Structures are given as C-alpha cells and as structure tokens.
Amino acid sequence: MSEFRIAALYHFFSFADCARHREALADLLAEHGVRGTLLLAPEGINGTIAGSPDGVAVTISVLRSIAGTDALEVKYSTAETQPFLRTKVRVKNEIVTMGKPDIDPGLRVGRYVDPLNWNDVLSDPNTVVIDTRNAYEVEIGTFDGAINPKIDSFREFPAWLDTFRADNPGKRIAMFCTGGIRCEKATSYALAQGADDVLHLKGGILKYLENVDEEASRWSGECFVFDGRVSVQHGLKRGTYDLCYACGMPIDDAMKEDAAYVQGVSCPQCVDTYTDERKEGFRERERQIALAHARGEQHFGR
C-alpha cells in the first residue's frame, strides 16, 4: 500500500491578502510533515503537496477554510516514497505565469468537458484540440491528433494562439493541460480575444488517466508531472521516465544508454549546453550527494 498521498490543487479567486497567509501555511506544512510547493498570488492558489493521508487532509481542510476557496480543485494520487525533497510556500504575481495581467479566469473560462466525454471531442472533425503544455512535456506523451504549439514557456502561448486563430478562423477550439490550471487561463484568454466556443478538459490529463480505461484511451505515452515521480501512466501509476539532473528534462532508458549521459552532469539533450567548468560543478555535486547517501543522509539536491 502506498505510504504518501499527493494532492495537486488550484483555485482562481480574489486573494488580495495572500502574503498574510504565507508564514502560517509554511508552518502548517512543517507541523504535519507535508512537503511540496504552494504558490499564492492575488489571483489564487496553486500547488502540489505530498505527505501522510492525515497530513494532506488537514492541509486541504485549512486551505478550504480560507475565504473564497470552497471550490478548491484537488486531484489525489499516491506514491511509495516522498516525491518532494523540501517545502516551498511562495507569494508570486501569478499562480500560473502567462504574462497577461488582465485575464481573470475567476470571471470567465471555457466550457468544461468531463474526462469520460473527452474522446468525443477528440473525434469531432469540427474541433481542433490543442495541447497547452511546454514542448518537453508534449514530447513524452499527448492525445492522438492534438496540436503541439511547440512552446518553451506558457508566456509564449497567447501569441501562438493569436496566430493560430488568424490562420484558422471559425474553428472550435478544445484545450487540455496536466491538471487543468493552464487551460483555465488559456480558455479565458481565447474568449477575451473573441473566440465563440472554447472547451477544456476538466481536471486535465491527470483526471483522464485516472478515470478512462486504458483500453478506451486516446492518450499515447506518459504524462510529465512536477514532482519526483517525473511521469505517470494510466491509473496514475508511476511512469518510466527519470530526470536529467543537469538540465531538468525527462529522460528515458535509451537516453541513459547514450554516451552523452553522465548522471547529474549531462544527457543527449544538454551535453553541448554547458561549459566544462559548469559540468565540473555538476560532478562535484554528484560526489557530495554520494557522500551524503553513504552517511545515510539526504542531500538537498536529491
């Protein structure tokens, strides 16, 4: 039985006094042994945390006691080991950075599609389905037939969407992302720019993989997640990917067999990116990690 419960959560609401809650929430997570990241901003809360089932339950209960968070969206999964090394509670300008301060998902977003009905959207010839995630996430898995904007940052998405809509007038648009939060902003932006009918997958890819049988699935590959699991498969089982601890990109077994792969130092994706001096720094970090593990200690880097 899995020991740790993971909660991916978000909610857009007016959170003008968000900074006032930072210290209390950090203390709460520490008290209950919960790790992960919470982002607080005037537009709401976003984060992923992990800990004992009781510790996570207490944390979610406290978050829902904050005025305006009664509709907090939470998706649960499990892990056999703690997927986070540390805890961060940060105050930011946005809980998901698009760089469009006038967009308010708390006022208007696209129409939600239940995961059990998402295959119908994928099969609709009159609908274009767009993956709003970054290119490296799309690379390891996406829905059959979905459009990949090939962006490196969510900040690039609005400009990409403007160009796409200009080249494809009148097309009905459906969007999806990992857990739903990016689509809240993406659909809100599309509507603000004059799109008439915009759909998005409720609960994101994670809810689809949790609720749709693999035999009926239109998902190919694995879903990148922002914790120590790296990726998940159908049923939210841990995936097969690892991270390159130099560049932070997902890597598979074939990449690990490549001559360019040196654990924590380089992989085929980044071998030509860093200077020899920087790589030597990475090697020293790996030596320190190995020494810490030999002493039975956890190193801050892994």
C-alpha atoms as a PDB file:
ATOM      1  CA  MET A   1       0.000   0.000   0.000  1.00  0.00           C
ATOM      2  CA  SER A   2       1.376   3.426  -0.919  1.00  0.00           C
ATOM      3  CA  GLU A   3       2.584   5.468   2.016  1.00  0.00           C
ATOM      4  CA  PHE A   4       2.339   9.007   0.634  1.00  0.00           C
ATOM      5  CA  ARG A   5      -0.692  10.886  -0.657  1.00  0.00           C
ATOM      6  CA  ILE A   6      -0.169  13.542  -3.326  1.00  0.00           C
ATOM      7  CA  ALA A   7      -2.580  16.445  -3.819  1.00  0.00           C
ATOM      8  CA  ALA A   8      -2.399  18.652  -6.910  1.00  0.00           C
ATOM      9  CA  LEU A   9      -4.564  21.710  -6.260  1.00  0.00           C
ATOM     10  CA  TYR A  10      -5.545  25.110  -7.579  1.00  0.00           C
ATOM     11  CA  HIS A  11      -8.291  27.702  -7.450  1.00  0.00           C
ATOM     12  CA  PHE A  12      -8.653  31.137  -9.033  1.00  0.00           C
ATOM     13  CA  PHE A  13     -10.243  33.683  -6.712  1.00  0.00           C
ATOM     14  CA  SER A  14      -9.582  37.169  -5.384  1.00  0.00           C
ATOM     15  CA  PHE A  15      -6.784  36.643  -2.852  1.00  0.00           C
ATOM     16  CA  ALA A  16      -5.635  40.199  -2.163  1.00  0.00           C
ATOM     17  CA  ASP A  17      -4.207  39.352   1.276  1.00  0.00           C
ATOM     18  CA  CYS A  18      -2.309  36.266   0.070  1.00  0.00           C
ATOM     19  CA  ALA A  19       1.019  37.364   1.592  1.00  0.00           C
ATOM     20  CA  ARG A  20      -0.543  37.335   5.059  1.00  0.00           C
ATOM     21  CA  HIS A  21      -1.087  33.562   4.804  1.00  0.00           C
ATOM     22  CA  ARG A  22       2.391  32.546   3.658  1.00  0.00           C
ATOM     23  CA  GLU A  23       4.056  32.022   7.042  1.00  0.00           C
ATOM     24  CA  ALA A  24       1.061  30.267   8.619  1.00  0.00           C
ATOM     25  CA  LEU A  25       0.802  27.842   5.683  1.00  0.00           C
ATOM     26  CA  ALA A  26       4.544  27.124   5.777  1.00  0.00           C
ATOM     27  CA  ASP A  27       4.249  26.341   9.494  1.00  0.00           C
ATOM     28  CA  LEU A  28       1.224  24.128   8.827  1.00  0.00           C
ATOM     29  CA  LEU A  29       3.072  22.036   6.246  1.00  0.00           C
ATOM     30  CA  ALA A  30       6.100  21.679   8.527  1.00  0.00           C
ATOM     31  CA  GLU A  31       3.937  20.676  11.502  1.00  0.00           C
ATOM     32  CA  HIS A  32       2.280  17.853   9.561  1.00  0.00           C
ATOM     33  CA  GLY A  33       5.339  16.671   7.631  1.00  0.00           C
ATOM     34  CA  VAL A  34       3.903  17.729   4.294  1.00  0.00           C
ATOM     35  CA  ARG A  35       6.317  18.705   1.518  1.00  0.00           C
ATOM     36  CA  GLY A  36       5.879  20.288  -1.887  1.00  0.00           C
ATOM     37  CA  THR A  37       5.094  23.727  -3.245  1.00  0.00           C
ATOM     38  CA  LEU A  38       2.254  26.174  -2.671  1.00  0.00           C
ATOM     39  CA  LEU A  39       2.064  29.339  -4.785  1.00  0.00           C
ATOM     40  CA  LEU A  40      -0.026  32.235  -3.501  1.00  0.00           C
ATOM     41  CA  ALA A  41      -0.952  35.200  -5.680  1.00  0.00           C
ATOM     42  CA  PRO A  42      -3.662  37.858  -5.860  1.00  0.00           C
ATOM     43  CA  GLU A  43      -5.395  35.618  -8.417  1.00  0.00           C
ATOM     44  CA  GLY A  44      -5.500  32.463  -6.232  1.00  0.00           C
ATOM     45  CA  ILE A  45      -3.667  29.336  -5.038  1.00  0.00           C
ATOM     46  CA  ASN A  46      -1.752  26.666  -6.944  1.00  0.00           C
ATOM     47  CA  GLY A  47       0.452  23.821  -5.809  1.00  0.00           C
ATOM     48  CA  THR A  48       1.284  20.167  -5.363  1.00  0.00           C
ATOM     49  CA  ILE A  49       1.962  18.704  -1.925  1.00  0.00           C
ATOM     50  CA  ALA A  50       2.620  15.245  -0.530  1.00  0.00           C
ATOM     51  CA  GLY A  51       2.645  13.630   2.881  1.00  0.00           C
ATOM     52  CA  SER A  52       0.718  11.196   5.051  1.00  0.00           C
ATOM     53  CA  PRO A  53      -3.003  10.910   4.217  1.00  0.00           C
ATOM     54  CA  ASP A  54      -3.842  12.627   7.516  1.00  0.00           C
ATOM     55  CA  GLY A  55      -1.313  15.404   6.997  1.00  0.00           C
ATOM     56  CA  VAL A  56      -2.561  16.144   3.484  1.00  0.00           C
ATOM     57  CA  ALA A  57      -6.192  16.026   4.646  1.00  0.00           C
ATOM     58  CA  VAL A  58      -5.507  18.599   7.380  1.00  0.00           C
ATOM     59  CA  THR A  59      -3.698  20.846   4.909  1.00  0.00           C
ATOM     60  CA  ILE A  60      -6.530  20.732   2.370  1.00  0.00           C
ATOM     61  CA  SER A  61      -9.050  21.427   5.129  1.00  0.00           C
ATOM     62  CA  VAL A  62      -7.135  24.524   6.222  1.00  0.00           C
ATOM     63  CA  LEU A  63      -6.782  25.735   2.638  1.00  0.00           C
ATOM     64  CA  ARG A  64     -10.533  25.364   2.154  1.00  0.00           C
ATOM     65  CA  SER A  65     -11.138  27.440   5.270  1.00  0.00           C
ATOM     66  CA  ILE A  66      -9.626  30.487   3.544  1.00  0.00           C
ATOM     67  CA  ALA A  67     -12.419  32.733   2.298  1.00  0.00           C
ATOM     68  CA  GLY A  68     -13.114  32.077  -1.372  1.00  0.00           C
ATOM     69  CA  THR A  69     -11.537  28.618  -1.639  1.00  0.00           C
ATOM     70  CA  ASP A  70     -14.592  26.420  -1.080  1.00  0.00           C
ATOM     71  CA  ALA A  71     -14.387  25.289  -4.738  1.00  0.00           C
ATOM     72  CA  LEU A  72     -10.680  24.369  -4.496  1.00  0.00           C
ATOM     73  CA  GLU A  73      -9.872  21.852  -7.243  1.00  0.00           C
ATOM     74  CA  VAL A  74      -7.883  18.901  -5.838  1.00  0.00           C
ATOM     75  CA  LYS A  75      -6.632  15.779  -7.619  1.00  0.00           C
ATOM     76  CA  TYR A  76      -5.223  12.973  -5.497  1.00  0.00           C
ATOM     77  CA  SER A  77      -2.724  10.248  -6.300  1.00  0.00           C
ATOM     78  CA  THR A  78      -0.236   8.148  -4.318  1.00  0.00           C
ATOM     79  CA  ALA A  79       3.469   7.318  -4.214  1.00  0.00           C
ATOM     80  CA  GLU A  80       5.548   4.762  -2.367  1.00  0.00           C
ATOM     81  CA  THR A  81       8.193   7.356  -1.498  1.00  0.00           C
ATOM     82  CA  GLN A  82       8.036  11.084  -0.738  1.00  0.00           C
ATOM     83  CA  PRO A  83       8.193  12.778  -4.182  1.00  0.00           C
ATOM     84  CA  PHE A  84       9.430  16.126  -2.806  1.00  0.00           C
ATOM     85  CA  LEU A  85      12.723  16.963  -1.108  1.00  0.00           C
ATOM     86  CA  ARG A  86      11.596  20.187   0.520  1.00  0.00           C
ATOM     87  CA  THR A  87       8.712  22.590   1.153  1.00  0.00           C
ATOM     88  CA  LYS A  88       8.155  25.949  -0.509  1.00  0.00           C
ATOM     89  CA  VAL A  89       5.357  28.445   0.117  1.00  0.00           C
ATOM     90  CA  ARG A  90       5.851  31.432  -2.158  1.00  0.00           C
ATOM     91  CA  VAL A  91       3.998  34.640  -2.955  1.00  0.00           C
ATOM     92  CA  LYS A  92       4.000  35.414  -6.693  1.00  0.00           C
ATOM     93  CA  ASN A  93       2.321  37.736  -9.156  1.00  0.00           C
ATOM     94  CA  GLU A  94       0.514  34.834 -10.862  1.00  0.00           C
ATOM     95  CA  ILE A  95      -0.135  31.240  -9.818  1.00  0.00           C
ATOM     96  CA  VAL A  96       0.477  30.163 -13.416  1.00  0.00           C
ATOM     97  CA  THR A  97       2.531  32.641 -15.393  1.00  0.00           C
ATOM     98  CA  MET A  98       1.036  33.768 -18.683  1.00  0.00           C
ATOM     99  CA  GLY A  99       2.071  37.405 -18.537  1.00  0.00           C
ATOM    100  CA  LYS A 100      -1.427  38.701 -19.273  1.00  0.00           C
ATOM    101  CA  PRO A 101      -2.488  40.511 -16.080  1.00  0.00           C
ATOM    102  CA  ASP A 102      -5.901  41.499 -17.474  1.00  0.00           C
ATOM    103  CA  ILE A 103      -7.014  37.878 -17.875  1.00  0.00           C
ATOM    104  CA  ASP A 104      -9.151  36.724 -14.941  1.00  0.00           C
ATOM    105  CA  PRO A 105     -10.220  33.051 -15.024  1.00  0.00           C
ATOM    106  CA  GLY A 106     -12.314  33.748 -11.945  1.00  0.00           C
ATOM    107  CA  LEU A 107     -14.727  35.655 -14.168  1.00  0.00           C
ATOM    108  CA  ARG A 108     -14.923  33.584 -17.347  1.00  0.00           C
ATOM    109  CA  VAL A 109     -13.443  30.349 -18.721  1.00  0.00           C
ATOM    110  CA  GLY A 110     -14.295  27.863 -21.452  1.00  0.00           C
ATOM    111  CA  ARG A 111     -16.812  25.051 -21.179  1.00  0.00           C
ATOM    112  CA  TYR A 112     -15.628  22.064 -19.164  1.00  0.00           C
ATOM    113  CA  VAL A 113     -15.645  18.612 -20.723  1.00  0.00           C
ATOM    114  CA  ASP A 114     -15.818  15.616 -18.406  1.00  0.00           C
ATOM    115  CA  PRO A 115     -12.943  13.161 -18.933  1.00  0.00           C
ATOM    116  CA  LEU A 116     -15.436  10.428 -19.853  1.00  0.00           C
ATOM    117  CA  ASN A 117     -16.664  12.610 -22.744  1.00  0.00           C
ATOM    118  CA  TRP A 118     -13.257  13.810 -23.935  1.00  0.00           C
ATOM    119  CA  ASN A 119     -12.899  11.071 -26.577  1.00  0.00           C
ATOM    120  CA  ASP A 120     -15.956  12.521 -28.332  1.00  0.00           C
ATOM    121  CA  VAL A 121     -14.172  15.881 -28.554  1.00  0.00           C
ATOM    122  CA  LEU A 122     -11.050  14.230 -29.959  1.00  0.00           C
ATOM    123  CA  SER A 123     -13.187  12.520 -32.625  1.00  0.00           C
ATOM    124  CA  ASP A 124     -15.097  15.655 -33.655  1.00  0.00           C
ATOM    125  CA  PRO A 125     -13.852  16.763 -37.112  1.00  0.00           C
ATOM    126  CA  ASN A 126     -15.092  20.306 -36.446  1.00  0.00           C
ATOM    127  CA  THR A 127     -12.952  20.757 -33.329  1.00  0.00           C
ATOM    128  CA  VAL A 128      -9.208  21.385 -33.107  1.00  0.00           C
ATOM    129  CA  VAL A 129      -7.607  20.060 -29.926  1.00  0.00           C
ATOM    130  CA  ILE A 130      -4.620  21.986 -28.565  1.00  0.00           C
ATOM    131  CA  ASP A 131      -2.046  20.838 -26.010  1.00  0.00           C
ATOM    132  CA  THR A 132      -1.225  23.941 -23.957  1.00  0.00           C
ATOM    133  CA  ARG A 133       1.845  22.468 -22.259  1.00  0.00           C
ATOM    134  CA  ASN A 134       5.509  23.110 -22.967  1.00  0.00           C
ATOM    135  CA  ALA A 135       7.243  21.192 -25.742  1.00  0.00           C
ATOM    136  CA  TYR A 136       9.283  18.917 -23.456  1.00  0.00           C
ATOM    137  CA  GLU A 137       6.077  17.795 -21.731  1.00  0.00           C
ATOM    138  CA  VAL A 138       4.318  17.072 -25.022  1.00  0.00           C
ATOM    139  CA  GLU A 139       7.347  15.134 -26.240  1.00  0.00           C
ATOM    140  CA  ILE A 140       6.792  12.232 -23.817  1.00  0.00           C
ATOM    141  CA  GLY A 141       3.014  11.968 -24.260  1.00  0.00           C
ATOM    142  CA  THR A 142      -0.132  13.615 -25.610  1.00  0.00           C
ATOM    143  CA  PHE A 143      -3.577  12.850 -27.040  1.00  0.00           C
ATOM    144  CA  ASP A 144      -3.856  11.362 -30.511  1.00  0.00           C
ATOM    145  CA  GLY A 145      -4.280  14.135 -33.069  1.00  0.00           C
ATOM    146  CA  ALA A 146      -3.648  17.031 -30.681  1.00  0.00           C
ATOM    147  CA  ILE A 147      -1.807  20.109 -31.925  1.00  0.00           C
ATOM    148  CA  ASN A 148       1.561  20.837 -30.310  1.00  0.00           C
ATOM    149  CA  PRO A 149       2.275  24.602 -30.187  1.00  0.00           C
ATOM    150  CA  LYS A 150       5.973  23.795 -29.573  1.00  0.00           C
ATOM    151  CA  ILE A 151       6.376  26.451 -26.903  1.00  0.00           C
ATOM    152  CA  ASP A 152       9.117  26.577 -24.274  1.00  0.00           C
ATOM    153  CA  SER A 153       7.101  28.684 -21.822  1.00  0.00           C
ATOM    154  CA  PHE A 154       3.415  29.323 -21.157  1.00  0.00           C
ATOM    155  CA  ARG A 155       4.180  33.010 -21.741  1.00  0.00           C
ATOM    156  CA  GLU A 156       4.546  32.124 -25.431  1.00  0.00           C
ATOM    157  CA  PHE A 157       1.079  30.602 -25.679  1.00  0.00           C
ATOM    158  CA  PRO A 158      -1.039  33.768 -26.175  1.00  0.00           C
ATOM    159  CA  ALA A 159       0.992  34.897 -29.207  1.00  0.00           C
ATOM    160  CA  TRP A 160       0.909  31.380 -30.643  1.00  0.00           C
ATOM    161  CA  LEU A 161      -2.865  31.197 -30.169  1.00  0.00           C
ATOM    162  CA  ASP A 162      -3.397  34.592 -31.812  1.00  0.00           C
ATOM    163  CA  THR A 163      -1.530  33.402 -34.906  1.00  0.00           C
ATOM    164  CA  PHE A 164      -3.290  30.050 -34.942  1.00  0.00           C
ATOM    165  CA  ARG A 165      -6.747  31.590 -34.747  1.00  0.00           C
ATOM    166  CA  ALA A 166      -5.919  34.081 -37.504  1.00  0.00           C
ATOM    167  CA  ASP A 167      -4.863  31.169 -39.732  1.00  0.00           C
ATOM    168  CA  ASN A 168      -7.847  29.010 -38.745  1.00  0.00           C
ATOM    169  CA  PRO A 169     -10.880  31.305 -38.495  1.00  0.00           C
ATOM    170  CA  GLY A 170     -14.133  29.834 -37.251  1.00  0.00           C
ATOM    171  CA  LYS A 171     -12.605  26.667 -35.799  1.00  0.00           C
ATOM    172  CA  ARG A 172     -13.974  25.424 -32.494  1.00  0.00           C
ATOM    173  CA  ILE A 173     -11.110  25.011 -30.030  1.00  0.00           C
ATOM    174  CA  ALA A 174     -10.620  22.477 -27.234  1.00  0.00           C
ATOM    175  CA  MET A 175      -7.630  22.647 -24.898  1.00  0.00           C
ATOM    176  CA  PHE A 176      -6.012  20.442 -22.279  1.00  0.00           C
ATOM    177  CA  CYS A 177      -3.079  20.535 -19.858  1.00  0.00           C
ATOM    178  CA  THR A 178      -1.709  18.466 -16.969  1.00  0.00           C
ATOM    179  CA  GLY A 179      -4.180  19.282 -14.202  1.00  0.00           C
ATOM    180  CA  GLY A 180      -6.445  21.949 -15.679  1.00  0.00           C
ATOM    181  CA  ILE A 181      -4.919  25.181 -14.386  1.00  0.00           C
ATOM    182  CA  ARG A 182      -3.176  26.319 -17.564  1.00  0.00           C
ATOM    183  CA  CYS A 183      -6.383  25.759 -19.517  1.00  0.00           C
ATOM    184  CA  GLU A 184      -8.298  27.997 -17.146  1.00  0.00           C
ATOM    185  CA  LYS A 185      -6.115  30.883 -18.290  1.00  0.00           C
ATOM    186  CA  ALA A 186      -5.775  29.702 -21.880  1.00  0.00           C
ATOM    187  CA  THR A 187      -9.531  29.435 -22.442  1.00  0.00           C
ATOM    188  CA  SER A 188     -10.156  32.714 -20.619  1.00  0.00           C
ATOM    189  CA  TYR A 189      -7.639  34.396 -22.920  1.00  0.00           C
ATOM    190  CA  ALA A 190      -9.210  32.850 -26.039  1.00  0.00           C
ATOM    191  CA  LEU A 191     -12.653  34.082 -25.048  1.00  0.00           C
ATOM    192  CA  ALA A 192     -11.278  37.559 -24.325  1.00  0.00           C
ATOM    193  CA  GLN A 193      -9.853  37.615 -27.852  1.00  0.00           C
ATOM    194  CA  GLY A 194     -13.253  36.886 -29.385  1.00  0.00           C
ATOM    195  CA  ALA A 195     -13.423  33.097 -29.644  1.00  0.00           C
ATOM    196  CA  ASP A 196     -17.049  31.973 -29.506  1.00  0.00           C
ATOM    197  CA  ASP A 197     -16.889  28.367 -28.324  1.00  0.00           C
ATOM    198  CA  VAL A 198     -13.910  27.094 -26.324  1.00  0.00           C
ATOM    199  CA  LEU A 199     -13.758  23.775 -24.482  1.00  0.00           C
ATOM    200  CA  HIS A 200     -11.273  22.357 -21.997  1.00  0.00           C
ATOM    201  CA  LEU A 201     -10.710  19.014 -20.287  1.00  0.00           C
ATOM    202  CA  LYS A 202     -11.947  19.198 -16.689  1.00  0.00           C
ATOM    203  CA  GLY A 203      -9.248  18.080 -14.289  1.00  0.00           C
ATOM    204  CA  GLY A 204      -6.729  17.836 -17.111  1.00  0.00           C
ATOM    205  CA  ILE A 205      -4.768  14.826 -18.278  1.00  0.00           C
ATOM    206  CA  LEU A 206      -4.479  13.527 -14.713  1.00  0.00           C
ATOM    207  CA  LYS A 207      -8.252  13.126 -14.361  1.00  0.00           C
ATOM    208  CA  TYR A 208      -8.442  11.475 -17.779  1.00  0.00           C
ATOM    209  CA  LEU A 209      -5.725   8.942 -16.923  1.00  0.00           C
ATOM    210  CA  GLU A 210      -7.436   8.285 -13.603  1.00  0.00           C
ATOM    211  CA  ASN A 211     -10.953   7.793 -14.952  1.00  0.00           C
ATOM    212  CA  VAL A 212     -10.727   6.473 -18.513  1.00  0.00           C
ATOM    213  CA  ASP A 213      -9.953   2.780 -19.060  1.00  0.00           C
ATOM    214  CA  GLU A 214      -6.676   2.216 -20.871  1.00  0.00           C
ATOM    215  CA  GLU A 215      -8.443   0.080 -23.482  1.00  0.00           C
ATOM    216  CA  ALA A 216     -10.629   3.041 -24.471  1.00  0.00           C
ATOM    217  CA  SER A 217      -7.933   5.684 -24.075  1.00  0.00           C
ATOM    218  CA  ARG A 218      -6.806   8.092 -26.797  1.00  0.00           C
ATOM    219  CA  TRP A 219      -3.712   9.021 -24.789  1.00  0.00           C
ATOM    220  CA  SER A 220      -0.292   7.965 -26.086  1.00  0.00           C
ATOM    221  CA  GLY A 221       2.832   7.929 -23.932  1.00  0.00           C
ATOM    222  CA  GLU A 222       3.206   9.241 -20.392  1.00  0.00           C
ATOM    223  CA  CYS A 223       2.278  12.463 -18.601  1.00  0.00           C
ATOM    224  CA  PHE A 224       5.045  14.624 -17.150  1.00  0.00           C
ATOM    225  CA  VAL A 225       4.430  15.690 -13.551  1.00  0.00           C
ATOM    226  CA  PHE A 226       6.316  18.249 -11.495  1.00  0.00           C
ATOM    227  CA  ASP A 227       7.479  16.002  -8.665  1.00  0.00           C
ATOM    228  CA  GLY A 228       9.848  13.125  -8.011  1.00  0.00           C
ATOM    229  CA  ARG A 229       7.741  10.654  -9.979  1.00  0.00           C
ATOM    230  CA  VAL A 230       8.657  12.555 -13.189  1.00  0.00           C
ATOM    231  CA  SER A 231       5.830  10.938 -15.176  1.00  0.00           C
ATOM    232  CA  VAL A 232       2.651   8.919 -14.675  1.00  0.00           C
ATOM    233  CA  GLN A 233       0.737   6.403 -16.779  1.00  0.00           C
ATOM    234  CA  HIS A 234      -2.871   5.230 -16.884  1.00  0.00           C
ATOM    235  CA  GLY A 235      -4.317   4.773 -13.430  1.00  0.00           C
ATOM    236  CA  LEU A 236      -1.771   7.386 -12.288  1.00  0.00           C
ATOM    237  CA  LYS A 237       0.848   4.671 -11.870  1.00  0.00           C
ATOM    238  CA  ARG A 238       4.415   5.954 -11.754  1.00  0.00           C
ATOM    239  CA  GLY A 239       5.896   6.182 -15.222  1.00  0.00           C
ATOM    240  CA  THR A 240       9.213   5.061 -16.679  1.00  0.00           C
ATOM    241  CA  TYR A 241      10.967   8.412 -17.066  1.00  0.00           C
ATOM    242  CA  ASP A 242      13.719   9.881 -14.928  1.00  0.00           C
ATOM    243  CA  LEU A 243      15.185  13.397 -14.855  1.00  0.00           C
ATOM    244  CA  CYS A 244      18.486  14.659 -16.125  1.00  0.00           C
ATOM    245  CA  TYR A 245      19.687  16.477 -13.016  1.00  0.00           C
ATOM    246  CA  ALA A 246      21.785  18.809 -15.143  1.00  0.00           C
ATOM    247  CA  CYS A 247      19.091  20.281 -17.410  1.00  0.00           C
ATOM    248  CA  GLY A 248      15.935  19.076 -15.642  1.00  0.00           C
ATOM    249  CA  MET A 249      14.476  17.424 -18.755  1.00  0.00           C
ATOM    250  CA  PRO A 250      12.810  13.987 -18.718  1.00  0.00           C
ATOM    251  CA  ILE A 251      14.986  11.130 -19.953  1.00  0.00           C
ATOM    252  CA  ASP A 252      14.187   7.528 -20.833  1.00  0.00           C
ATOM    253  CA  ASP A 253      16.274   4.353 -20.696  1.00  0.00           C
ATOM    254  CA  ALA A 254      17.533   4.830 -24.263  1.00  0.00           C
ATOM    255  CA  MET A 255      18.951   8.242 -23.355  1.00  0.00           C
ATOM    256  CA  LYS A 256      20.686   6.718 -20.340  1.00  0.00           C
ATOM    257  CA  GLU A 257      22.457   4.272 -22.681  1.00  0.00           C
ATOM    258  CA  ASP A 258      23.747   7.150 -24.814  1.00  0.00           C
ATOM    259  CA  ALA A 259      27.424   8.066 -24.457  1.00  0.00           C
ATOM    260  CA  ALA A 260      26.377  11.639 -23.701  1.00  0.00           C
ATOM    261  CA  TYR A 261      24.633  10.599 -20.495  1.00  0.00           C
ATOM    262  CA  VAL A 262      26.537  11.069 -17.249  1.00  0.00           C
ATOM    263  CA  GLN A 263      24.293  11.041 -14.194  1.00  0.00           C
ATOM    264  CA  GLY A 264      23.767  14.548 -12.899  1.00  0.00           C
ATOM    265  CA  VAL A 265      26.237  16.002 -15.424  1.00  0.00           C
ATOM    266  CA  SER A 266      24.780  15.691 -18.929  1.00  0.00           C
ATOM    267  CA  CYS A 267      22.336  13.900 -21.221  1.00  0.00           C
ATOM    268  CA  PRO A 268      21.853  13.831 -25.021  1.00  0.00           C
ATOM    269  CA  GLN A 269      19.591  16.884 -24.724  1.00  0.00           C
ATOM    270  CA  CYS A 270      22.075  19.115 -22.892  1.00  0.00           C
ATOM    271  CA  VAL A 271      25.565  17.684 -23.452  1.00  0.00           C
ATOM    272  CA  ASP A 272      26.558  20.649 -25.630  1.00  0.00           C
ATOM    273  CA  THR A 273      24.802  23.265 -23.488  1.00  0.00           C
ATOM    274  CA  TYR A 274      27.126  23.663 -20.510  1.00  0.00           C
ATOM    275  CA  THR A 275      30.763  24.703 -20.225  1.00  0.00           C
ATOM    276  CA  ASP A 276      33.409  22.309 -18.884  1.00  0.00           C
ATOM    277  CA  GLU A 277      33.550  24.423 -15.736  1.00  0.00           C
ATOM    278  CA  ARG A 278      29.801  24.072 -15.200  1.00  0.00           C
ATOM    279  CA  LYS A 279      29.970  20.319 -15.776  1.00  0.00           C
ATOM    280  CA  GLU A 280      32.739  20.029 -13.207  1.00  0.00           C
ATOM    281  CA  GLY A 281      30.411  21.778 -10.770  1.00  0.00           C
ATOM    282  CA  PHE A 282      27.757  19.182 -11.541  1.00  0.00           C
ATOM    283  CA  ARG A 283      30.293  16.386 -10.941  1.00  0.00           C
ATOM    284  CA  GLU A 284      31.199  17.861  -7.568  1.00  0.00           C
ATOM    285  CA  ARG A 285      27.507  17.989  -6.655  1.00  0.00           C
ATOM    286  CA  GLU A 286      27.187  14.283  -7.544  1.00  0.00           C
ATOM    287  CA  ARG A 287      30.187  13.484  -5.335  1.00  0.00           C
ATOM    288  CA  GLN A 288      28.604  15.354  -2.426  1.00  0.00           C
ATOM    289  CA  ILE A 289      25.298  13.544  -2.956  1.00  0.00           C
ATOM    290  CA  ALA A 290      27.087  10.180  -2.955  1.00  0.00           C
ATOM    291  CA  LEU A 291      28.931  11.064   0.273  1.00  0.00           C
ATOM    292  CA  ALA A 292      25.681  12.151   1.950  1.00  0.00           C
ATOM    293  CA  HIS A 293      23.952   8.928   0.938  1.00  0.00           C
ATOM    294  CA  ALA A 294      26.891   6.880   2.228  1.00  0.00           C
ATOM    295  CA  ARG A 295      26.376   8.560   5.600  1.00  0.00           C
ATOM    296  CA  GLY A 296      22.684   7.719   5.482  1.00  0.00           C
ATOM    297  CA  GLU A 297      21.747  11.374   4.998  1.00  0.00           C
ATOM    298  CA  GLN A 298      19.570  13.099   2.426  1.00  0.00           C
ATOM    299  CA  HIS A 299      21.349  15.678   0.300  1.00  0.00           C
ATOM    300  CA  PHE A 300      19.405  18.828  -0.572  1.00  0.00           C
ATOM    301  CA  GLY A 301      19.997  18.126  -4.270  1.00  0.00           C
ATOM    302  CA  ARG A 302      18.492  14.624  -4.308  1.00  0.00           C
END
